[in-house]
N, C-alpha and C. Protein backbone atom coordinates (compact mmCIF):
# COMPACT_ATOMS: atom_id res chain seq x y z
N MET A 1 -36.37 29.62 110.18
CA MET A 1 -36.96 28.17 110.60
C MET A 1 -35.87 27.15 110.30
N SER A 2 -35.14 27.67 109.11
CA SER A 2 -34.25 26.46 108.09
C SER A 2 -33.97 25.55 108.95
N TRP A 3 -33.58 25.88 110.64
CA TRP A 3 -32.18 25.51 111.37
C TRP A 3 -33.24 24.57 111.92
N LEU A 4 -34.62 24.35 111.53
CA LEU A 4 -35.22 23.18 111.99
C LEU A 4 -35.23 21.73 111.11
N ALA A 5 -34.92 22.22 110.02
CA ALA A 5 -34.55 21.22 109.15
C ALA A 5 -33.26 20.30 109.90
N ASP A 6 -32.42 20.59 109.64
CA ASP A 6 -30.95 20.62 110.90
C ASP A 6 -31.22 19.65 112.07
N ALA A 7 -32.37 20.19 112.85
CA ALA A 7 -32.52 19.74 114.41
C ALA A 7 -31.99 18.24 114.52
N GLU A 8 -31.85 18.13 115.58
CA GLU A 8 -31.99 16.75 115.79
C GLU A 8 -33.11 16.23 116.36
N VAL A 9 -33.21 14.88 115.70
CA VAL A 9 -34.52 14.11 115.31
C VAL A 9 -35.22 12.81 116.75
N MET A 10 -36.38 12.92 117.10
CA MET A 10 -36.38 11.98 117.87
C MET A 10 -35.20 10.36 117.80
N SER A 11 -34.66 10.36 119.23
CA SER A 11 -33.92 9.18 118.99
C SER A 11 -34.45 8.02 118.69
N VAL A 12 -33.56 6.84 117.94
CA VAL A 12 -34.47 5.39 118.03
C VAL A 12 -34.65 5.26 119.39
N GLU A 13 -33.81 5.58 120.37
CA GLU A 13 -34.32 4.61 121.51
C GLU A 13 -35.77 5.22 122.08
N ARG A 14 -36.14 6.19 121.76
CA ARG A 14 -36.88 6.91 122.16
C ARG A 14 -38.37 6.22 121.23
N HIS A 15 -37.95 6.98 120.22
CA HIS A 15 -38.91 5.78 119.68
C HIS A 15 -40.08 4.56 119.95
N LEU A 16 -38.69 3.58 120.72
CA LEU A 16 -38.89 2.25 120.68
C LEU A 16 -39.56 2.39 121.93
N GLN A 17 -39.31 3.03 122.85
CA GLN A 17 -39.60 3.65 124.29
C GLN A 17 -41.61 3.96 123.63
N LEU A 18 -41.72 4.57 123.27
CA LEU A 18 -42.86 5.11 122.79
C LEU A 18 -43.80 3.79 122.10
N ILE A 19 -43.00 3.48 121.57
CA ILE A 19 -43.78 1.76 120.63
C ILE A 19 -44.05 0.87 121.92
N ALA A 20 -43.55 0.71 122.64
CA ALA A 20 -43.77 -0.34 124.16
C ALA A 20 -44.23 -0.12 124.91
N TRP A 21 -44.45 1.41 124.77
CA TRP A 21 -46.00 2.24 125.54
C TRP A 21 -47.63 2.19 125.39
N GLY A 22 -46.75 1.79 123.95
CA GLY A 22 -48.01 1.97 122.89
C GLY A 22 -48.86 2.75 123.09
N THR A 23 -47.50 4.11 122.62
CA THR A 23 -48.32 5.51 122.20
C THR A 23 -47.87 5.93 121.11
N CYS A 24 -47.41 5.11 120.28
CA CYS A 24 -47.33 5.38 118.92
C CYS A 24 -48.25 4.81 117.96
N TRP A 25 -48.46 5.59 116.70
CA TRP A 25 -49.51 5.24 115.70
C TRP A 25 -49.05 5.30 114.08
N VAL A 26 -48.82 4.23 113.33
CA VAL A 26 -48.46 4.32 112.03
C VAL A 26 -49.93 4.65 110.71
N ALA A 27 -49.34 5.40 109.74
CA ALA A 27 -50.08 5.31 109.02
C ALA A 27 -49.35 4.43 107.76
N VAL A 28 -50.07 3.93 106.84
CA VAL A 28 -49.36 2.80 106.14
C VAL A 28 -50.64 2.72 104.61
N ASP A 29 -49.99 2.72 103.54
CA ASP A 29 -50.81 2.58 102.51
C ASP A 29 -51.45 1.16 101.82
N ALA A 30 -52.24 1.48 100.97
CA ALA A 30 -52.13 -0.34 100.41
C ALA A 30 -51.23 -1.33 100.37
N ALA A 31 -50.03 -0.35 100.10
CA ALA A 31 -48.73 -1.69 100.04
C ALA A 31 -48.00 -1.66 100.65
N GLY A 32 -48.10 -1.02 102.17
CA GLY A 32 -47.99 -1.14 103.20
C GLY A 32 -46.92 -0.74 103.91
N GLN A 33 -46.65 0.29 102.47
CA GLN A 33 -45.31 1.62 102.55
C GLN A 33 -46.01 2.56 104.12
N VAL A 34 -45.39 3.01 104.51
CA VAL A 34 -45.43 4.37 105.65
C VAL A 34 -45.80 5.44 105.36
N GLN A 35 -46.50 6.25 105.41
CA GLN A 35 -47.16 7.19 104.58
C GLN A 35 -46.92 8.10 106.01
N GLY A 36 -47.48 8.10 107.61
CA GLY A 36 -46.50 8.94 108.53
C GLY A 36 -46.78 8.41 110.06
N PHE A 37 -46.50 9.04 110.60
CA PHE A 37 -46.20 8.20 112.39
C PHE A 37 -46.75 9.23 113.42
N LEU A 38 -47.32 8.69 114.42
CA LEU A 38 -47.66 10.01 115.59
C LEU A 38 -47.04 9.39 116.68
N SER A 39 -46.06 10.13 117.64
CA SER A 39 -45.93 9.66 118.52
C SER A 39 -46.30 10.43 120.04
N ALA A 40 -46.57 9.50 121.24
CA ALA A 40 -47.09 10.65 122.18
C ALA A 40 -47.04 9.83 123.81
N GLN A 41 -47.07 10.59 124.85
CA GLN A 41 -46.95 9.77 125.62
C GLN A 41 -47.81 10.39 126.62
N MET A 42 -48.01 9.24 128.25
CA MET A 42 -48.69 9.40 128.69
C MET A 42 -48.44 10.50 129.93
N PHE A 43 -49.31 11.71 130.51
CA PHE A 43 -48.59 12.37 131.37
C PHE A 43 -49.87 12.77 132.40
N ASP A 44 -49.94 11.41 133.27
CA ASP A 44 -51.36 11.46 134.39
C ASP A 44 -52.57 11.26 133.69
N ASP A 45 -53.40 12.48 133.59
CA ASP A 45 -54.51 11.90 132.55
C ASP A 45 -54.54 12.30 131.29
N ASP A 46 -54.08 12.82 130.60
CA ASP A 46 -53.01 13.19 129.58
C ASP A 46 -52.21 12.42 128.81
N LEU A 47 -53.01 12.41 127.26
CA LEU A 47 -52.19 12.00 126.21
C LEU A 47 -51.06 12.91 125.61
N HIS A 48 -50.07 13.56 125.79
CA HIS A 48 -49.40 14.38 124.83
C HIS A 48 -48.58 13.66 123.45
N ILE A 49 -49.07 14.41 122.83
CA ILE A 49 -48.65 14.23 121.42
C ILE A 49 -47.19 14.62 121.14
N HIS A 50 -45.63 14.17 121.13
CA HIS A 50 -44.15 14.69 121.12
C HIS A 50 -44.17 15.11 119.25
N GLU A 51 -44.96 13.76 118.43
CA GLU A 51 -44.77 14.66 116.88
C GLU A 51 -45.76 13.59 116.26
N LEU A 52 -45.52 14.56 115.03
CA LEU A 52 -47.02 14.42 113.90
C LEU A 52 -46.19 14.41 112.65
N SER A 53 -45.75 13.49 112.16
CA SER A 53 -45.04 13.44 110.86
C SER A 53 -45.82 12.95 109.56
N VAL A 54 -45.96 13.55 108.29
CA VAL A 54 -46.84 12.60 107.05
C VAL A 54 -45.93 12.92 106.08
N ALA A 55 -45.53 12.45 105.25
CA ALA A 55 -44.70 12.26 103.90
C ALA A 55 -45.33 13.39 103.32
N GLN A 56 -43.87 14.22 103.00
CA GLN A 56 -44.62 15.07 102.20
C GLN A 56 -45.66 15.09 100.94
N VAL A 57 -45.32 14.40 100.25
CA VAL A 57 -46.18 13.47 99.47
C VAL A 57 -47.67 13.30 99.27
N MET A 58 -47.84 13.22 101.14
CA MET A 58 -48.71 12.12 101.42
C MET A 58 -49.58 13.25 101.94
N GLN A 59 -49.09 14.61 102.58
CA GLN A 59 -49.93 15.97 102.70
C GLN A 59 -50.86 16.01 102.42
N GLY A 60 -51.98 16.28 103.01
CA GLY A 60 -53.96 17.19 102.45
C GLY A 60 -54.21 15.80 102.31
N ARG A 61 -53.65 14.64 102.27
CA ARG A 61 -54.81 13.33 101.98
C ARG A 61 -55.77 13.13 103.19
N GLY A 62 -55.48 13.33 104.26
CA GLY A 62 -56.17 12.75 105.03
C GLY A 62 -55.48 11.69 106.06
N ALA A 63 -54.60 11.56 105.70
CA ALA A 63 -52.90 10.42 107.01
C ALA A 63 -53.35 11.15 108.15
N GLY A 64 -52.82 12.28 108.56
CA GLY A 64 -52.55 13.53 109.51
C GLY A 64 -53.89 13.29 110.45
N ARG A 65 -54.83 13.51 109.62
CA ARG A 65 -55.86 13.38 110.35
C ARG A 65 -56.33 12.29 111.16
N GLN A 66 -55.99 11.05 109.85
CA GLN A 66 -56.88 9.54 110.73
C GLN A 66 -55.25 8.98 111.84
N LEU A 67 -54.58 9.75 112.08
CA LEU A 67 -53.76 9.38 112.87
C LEU A 67 -53.81 10.30 114.61
N LEU A 68 -55.02 11.12 113.70
CA LEU A 68 -54.82 12.00 115.01
C LEU A 68 -56.50 11.76 115.73
N GLU A 69 -56.91 11.41 114.93
CA GLU A 69 -58.31 10.43 114.99
C GLU A 69 -57.94 9.25 115.80
N ALA A 70 -57.55 8.24 115.60
CA ALA A 70 -56.85 7.59 116.74
C ALA A 70 -56.47 7.35 117.45
N VAL A 71 -55.62 8.60 117.99
CA VAL A 71 -55.21 9.20 118.96
C VAL A 71 -56.13 9.88 120.09
N MET A 72 -57.41 10.28 119.49
CA MET A 72 -58.84 10.64 119.91
C MET A 72 -59.87 9.65 120.80
N ASN A 73 -59.57 8.59 119.99
CA ASN A 73 -60.28 7.23 120.01
C ASN A 73 -60.02 6.54 121.27
N GLU A 74 -58.46 6.44 120.95
CA GLU A 74 -57.52 6.04 122.10
C GLU A 74 -57.28 6.56 123.67
N ALA A 75 -57.52 8.02 123.73
CA ALA A 75 -57.48 8.95 124.72
C ALA A 75 -59.26 8.54 125.56
N ARG A 76 -60.03 8.74 124.55
CA ARG A 76 -61.10 7.98 125.42
C ARG A 76 -61.50 7.00 125.19
N SER A 77 -61.08 6.01 124.61
CA SER A 77 -61.01 4.22 125.12
C SER A 77 -60.62 4.01 126.67
N ARG A 78 -59.28 5.22 126.75
CA ARG A 78 -58.55 4.87 128.39
C ARG A 78 -59.40 5.71 129.02
N ARG A 79 -60.13 6.73 128.71
CA ARG A 79 -61.31 7.38 129.73
C ARG A 79 -60.25 8.65 130.66
N LEU A 80 -59.19 9.03 129.41
CA LEU A 80 -58.95 10.17 130.14
C LEU A 80 -59.31 11.08 129.58
N ARG A 81 -57.96 12.77 130.10
CA ARG A 81 -58.94 13.87 130.66
C ARG A 81 -58.92 14.35 128.92
N ALA A 82 -57.82 14.65 128.48
CA ALA A 82 -57.01 15.67 127.59
C ALA A 82 -56.18 14.54 126.97
N VAL A 83 -56.07 15.30 124.93
CA VAL A 83 -54.92 14.94 124.29
C VAL A 83 -54.05 16.34 124.37
N THR A 84 -53.19 16.50 124.24
CA THR A 84 -51.93 17.90 123.78
C THR A 84 -51.23 17.51 123.10
N LEU A 85 -51.01 18.97 122.94
CA LEU A 85 -49.56 19.28 121.88
C LEU A 85 -49.00 20.56 121.73
N THR A 86 -47.42 20.38 120.93
CA THR A 86 -47.35 22.26 120.83
C THR A 86 -47.11 22.29 120.33
N THR A 87 -47.63 23.41 118.59
CA THR A 87 -47.00 23.23 117.57
C THR A 87 -46.31 25.08 117.46
N PHE A 88 -46.51 25.32 115.75
CA PHE A 88 -45.91 26.21 115.50
C PHE A 88 -47.80 27.25 115.60
N CYS A 89 -47.56 28.30 115.73
CA CYS A 89 -48.51 29.24 116.05
C CYS A 89 -48.78 30.53 114.95
N ASP A 90 -47.36 30.45 114.23
CA ASP A 90 -47.25 31.64 112.96
C ASP A 90 -47.38 30.51 111.41
N VAL A 91 -47.43 29.33 111.59
CA VAL A 91 -47.35 28.63 110.60
C VAL A 91 -49.22 28.23 110.47
N PRO A 92 -49.42 29.36 109.42
CA PRO A 92 -50.91 28.96 108.74
C PRO A 92 -51.53 27.57 108.79
N TRP A 93 -51.03 26.32 108.44
CA TRP A 93 -51.91 25.20 108.33
C TRP A 93 -51.45 23.88 109.46
N ASN A 94 -50.56 25.02 110.59
CA ASN A 94 -50.86 23.79 112.03
C ASN A 94 -52.13 23.99 112.91
N SER A 95 -51.58 25.05 113.94
CA SER A 95 -52.70 25.87 114.60
C SER A 95 -54.44 25.40 113.84
N PRO A 96 -54.88 25.89 112.72
CA PRO A 96 -56.19 25.82 112.21
C PRO A 96 -56.48 24.21 111.23
N PHE A 97 -55.37 23.30 111.55
CA PHE A 97 -55.25 21.57 111.43
C PHE A 97 -56.25 21.20 112.80
N TYR A 98 -55.41 21.66 113.62
CA TYR A 98 -55.51 20.91 115.11
C TYR A 98 -57.17 21.81 115.71
N GLN A 99 -57.41 23.04 115.29
CA GLN A 99 -58.83 23.49 115.51
C GLN A 99 -59.67 23.41 115.17
N ARG A 100 -59.60 22.61 113.54
CA ARG A 100 -60.71 21.93 113.07
C ARG A 100 -61.53 20.49 113.50
N LEU A 101 -60.24 19.62 114.23
CA LEU A 101 -60.61 18.59 114.66
C LEU A 101 -60.86 18.83 116.31
N GLY A 102 -60.69 20.43 116.52
CA GLY A 102 -61.46 20.66 118.25
C GLY A 102 -60.44 20.76 119.12
N PHE A 103 -59.58 20.61 118.00
CA PHE A 103 -58.04 21.52 119.75
C PHE A 103 -58.70 22.99 119.61
N GLU A 104 -58.01 23.24 121.25
CA GLU A 104 -58.61 24.90 121.35
C GLU A 104 -57.08 25.03 122.16
N GLN A 105 -56.28 26.58 120.81
CA GLN A 105 -55.50 26.98 121.92
C GLN A 105 -55.33 26.95 123.63
N ALA A 106 -54.78 26.87 124.68
CA ALA A 106 -53.83 27.06 126.38
C ALA A 106 -53.70 28.24 125.60
N HIS A 107 -54.39 29.33 126.78
CA HIS A 107 -53.69 31.05 126.19
C HIS A 107 -53.59 31.34 127.29
N SER A 108 -53.24 30.38 128.85
CA SER A 108 -53.10 31.66 130.11
C SER A 108 -53.15 29.99 131.06
N LEU A 109 -51.61 29.29 131.25
CA LEU A 109 -51.15 28.31 131.80
C LEU A 109 -50.04 28.79 132.70
N ALA A 110 -51.11 27.43 133.80
CA ALA A 110 -49.74 28.30 134.79
C ALA A 110 -48.66 28.00 134.69
N PRO A 111 -47.30 28.86 135.76
CA PRO A 111 -46.31 28.90 135.49
C PRO A 111 -44.88 27.25 135.61
N ASP A 112 -46.58 26.52 136.69
CA ASP A 112 -46.02 25.60 136.17
C ASP A 112 -46.59 24.73 136.17
N HIS A 113 -46.99 24.67 135.52
CA HIS A 113 -48.33 23.73 133.92
C HIS A 113 -46.97 22.85 132.96
N ARG A 114 -47.65 21.53 133.12
CA ARG A 114 -46.36 20.78 132.34
C ARG A 114 -46.37 21.32 131.25
N LEU A 115 -47.65 22.08 129.97
CA LEU A 115 -47.35 22.92 128.87
C LEU A 115 -46.46 23.99 128.87
N ALA A 116 -46.72 24.42 129.62
CA ALA A 116 -46.14 25.52 130.00
C ALA A 116 -44.43 25.12 130.26
N GLU A 117 -44.06 24.41 130.82
CA GLU A 117 -43.45 23.74 130.68
C GLU A 117 -42.26 23.01 129.51
N ALA A 118 -43.42 22.61 128.38
CA ALA A 118 -42.47 22.46 127.48
C ALA A 118 -42.23 23.17 126.26
N LEU A 119 -43.28 24.06 126.43
CA LEU A 119 -42.85 25.54 125.33
C LEU A 119 -41.68 25.70 126.33
N ARG A 120 -41.11 26.59 127.64
CA ARG A 120 -39.99 26.99 128.03
C ARG A 120 -38.96 26.07 127.09
N GLU A 121 -39.07 24.59 127.47
CA GLU A 121 -38.32 23.73 127.51
C GLU A 121 -37.54 23.75 125.23
N GLU A 122 -38.64 24.03 124.12
CA GLU A 122 -38.78 24.73 123.32
C GLU A 122 -38.23 25.67 122.63
N TYR A 123 -38.47 26.57 123.84
CA TYR A 123 -37.42 27.97 123.36
C TYR A 123 -36.00 28.25 123.88
N ARG A 124 -35.62 27.34 124.82
CA ARG A 124 -34.12 26.65 125.37
C ARG A 124 -33.78 26.52 124.07
N HIS A 125 -34.24 25.07 123.43
CA HIS A 125 -33.80 24.20 121.93
C HIS A 125 -33.72 25.63 120.72
N GLY A 126 -33.65 26.61 120.80
CA GLY A 126 -34.29 27.41 119.60
C GLY A 126 -35.14 28.18 119.08
N PHE A 127 -36.16 27.96 119.63
CA PHE A 127 -37.63 27.75 119.22
C PHE A 127 -37.81 29.91 119.63
N ALA A 128 -38.30 30.32 118.62
CA ALA A 128 -38.56 31.84 118.91
C ALA A 128 -39.23 32.26 119.82
N PRO A 129 -39.30 32.62 120.86
CA PRO A 129 -39.80 32.93 122.08
C PRO A 129 -41.69 33.39 121.37
N GLY A 130 -42.80 32.61 121.60
CA GLY A 130 -44.38 33.25 121.20
C GLY A 130 -44.44 32.67 120.04
N SER A 131 -43.28 32.12 119.14
CA SER A 131 -43.33 31.02 118.13
C SER A 131 -44.45 29.44 118.17
N ARG A 132 -44.46 29.71 119.36
CA ARG A 132 -45.54 27.82 119.60
C ARG A 132 -46.33 28.46 120.73
N CYS A 133 -46.80 27.35 120.83
CA CYS A 133 -48.15 27.25 121.34
C CYS A 133 -48.90 26.32 121.61
N ALA A 134 -49.52 26.32 122.82
CA ALA A 134 -50.42 24.84 123.47
C ALA A 134 -51.57 24.48 122.81
N MET A 135 -51.63 23.75 122.59
CA MET A 135 -53.07 22.84 122.32
C MET A 135 -53.96 21.62 123.02
N SER A 136 -54.97 21.57 123.50
CA SER A 136 -55.91 20.42 124.04
C SER A 136 -56.72 20.49 123.01
N TRP A 137 -57.11 19.10 123.85
CA TRP A 137 -58.84 18.40 123.37
C TRP A 137 -59.08 17.60 124.24
N GLN A 138 -59.96 18.35 124.90
CA GLN A 138 -60.79 17.72 126.01
C GLN A 138 -61.45 16.69 125.46
N VAL A 139 -60.73 15.79 126.20
CA VAL A 139 -62.00 14.16 125.72
C VAL A 139 -63.53 14.38 126.38
N VAL A 140 -64.58 14.15 125.50
CA VAL A 140 -66.08 13.14 125.94
C VAL A 140 -65.63 12.53 125.83
N ALA A 141 -66.65 11.69 127.05
CA ALA A 141 -67.24 9.92 126.81
C ALA A 141 -68.13 10.03 125.64
N ARG A 142 -68.33 8.92 125.09
CA ARG A 142 -68.97 8.76 124.31
C ARG A 142 -69.97 7.53 124.66
């Protein structure tokens, strides 16, 4: 996985596009310093998380959870169907982190499903087949 550290990051243009669409959230500390961000995109009735990043020194302090909860609340307010993402399924802290917040692995996706295509695209970019999984959180109206 060392190649991942050298992989291309999301372009500035793409970040600006997602910000303009209102699907980016930022966590800041009391001094206004950015501690993390979450970038997502609408796909029909789903809000798909492209990236959740938290500064290493802030990991384990709740910033990631707060960002995810903000996205989940946004999905509720927009009356969406689900929040989706892809992540590493064999990294001990990834999948369990999302599961604690109610996300479930999508084990059987139709070949033409958007998340199945997202996984195939990740494998084409160098991820080992089977190393990634799709997850979703179903919105429940409050």
